[in-house]
Amino acid sequence: MSQYAQTLTELQLQQQQVQSDNLLFCLSIYLPFNQQVKTSSELQVISTKFKSLVEIEVQKHFPLSEQKQLRLAIINIVSAASSSFDMTQEGVAVYATFCKGKQFRGGHQKNSDGNLIPFIQVVPLFTLPSPKSAAFAGKTFDLIPIIDNLNFDKPSLVVDIHEDEALLYEFAQLRLELFDNIQNSYIKFPEREEYLDNRSPGFQGIHSNRKDFNYDEDYLHQFLRDDLTKSLAKYTDKYKALIIVCPEQYQQQISHFNIGLNSHFSSVQTLNLTTDKTSKLLFKHLSQYVKNQIEESRILTNKKFNNPSEVFHTDMLTILEAADKGQVKTLYVVPPYNTPGFVNEDEDLVQPTDLSKTDNQNMLKTKQILLDIVQKVIEFGGRVIPISSESLDDKSKTIFAIFRF
């Protein structure tokens, strides 16, 4: 299970307790960094902005004067989370829940001025579903940033090819782990050393009659064809995407090598890079490479809504009913994601335009309908994909769904 999948599961467990009224509320803070934070002053700016988001949202949730002590305690506890931000990433999502008087799953220590017990989860984001910061407090978390990163967090098999060996890594956006290395058995043959030491017109080797023969290129080809191809066959069930990293001078051999792998992996990409066999440089270039791929994917996703090839449902009530039945295959949402709907005393959804027709207006309450739809789509195994409103012709629409049936 990936880090984001595990985080999503943990937050859903916390959410269930809030929805059963065991906890006070769910607080979600989404904060893009918008720059690479390097100095203490830049970090202070981020921390101040984060605290401001927390203060505004907590103030809205606990506005009464007699709630001041509770309000300040929550603000201080959540604001302290900024000390653990990973500034090497694109942004952060912070999730918090609180209860009073008893411990709960995943909870931490009591605070010093009472029995308020917090749960706080700080999640680094390597890709941003929206460039704008946001905060939301309610009975559910805003899980869109987690879901968005989870969409792009499928592990890839990375093969870093060198003359003497190939290093095999598992790459997901927040980690790069070396798990195997395949030795080039062909370069150990004594004849190779003999060939390299006796490059003279009179040298008679097994390939000396070939004018175009380049020993290293030929034996690299054999290494790719035999040793490496057989080794990679073991991983085709686990990994769908393959990224080959190699020096540019290997490009011709690699292109032939790729042809044989296309039938085993859904995606085979080549990154021309000479590494020093350490993961630091490789991770840096892979991260940027994947971010570029994500950006291209977002552009293509946004374009399809102006020239749709599939039938999209856009009515929120229709989508909510379909989500309850597990009919939503893919859900595309435009930020902000905590758009409220309204429900009456019978928990029936009422559109904002229909409020004047409702007799029991004093019984109406707000409900975060879009987040409820997102939760249902996830529960039934559907995909949730954030999209940008900037490329949409009709900017009044905020939700698009493709149904399974």
Foldseek 3Di string as FASTA:
>chain_A
DDPLVVVVVVQVVVLVCLVVVQWDWKKKKWWFLQDQDDDPVSLVVRLVVRLVQLLVALCVVPVDPVCVVVSVVSSVVQSVCSVVADSVAGTKMKMKIWHFDDDDVQWDDADDPHRIIMHMDIGGARDDLDNDIHMDIGSHYPCVRSQQLVVQFQWEWEWEDDLFKIWIWIDGLVDIGTDDMFGLPVCPDPVNVVCVVDVDLPDDDPCSVDPPDDPSLVSVLVCLVPRVVVVCLVCLVRHQEYEYEEAPVNVVSVVVSVVVCVVSHVYYYYDHDDDPPDVPVVSVVVSVVSNVVVVVVQVVVLVCQQVPPADKDQDLVVLLVCLQVLFFAEKEFEPPQQDKWKAAPVRDTDGPVCLVVDPPNVRIDIDRSRVVSVVSNVVSPHGYHYHYLPSHPDSVTGMITDTND
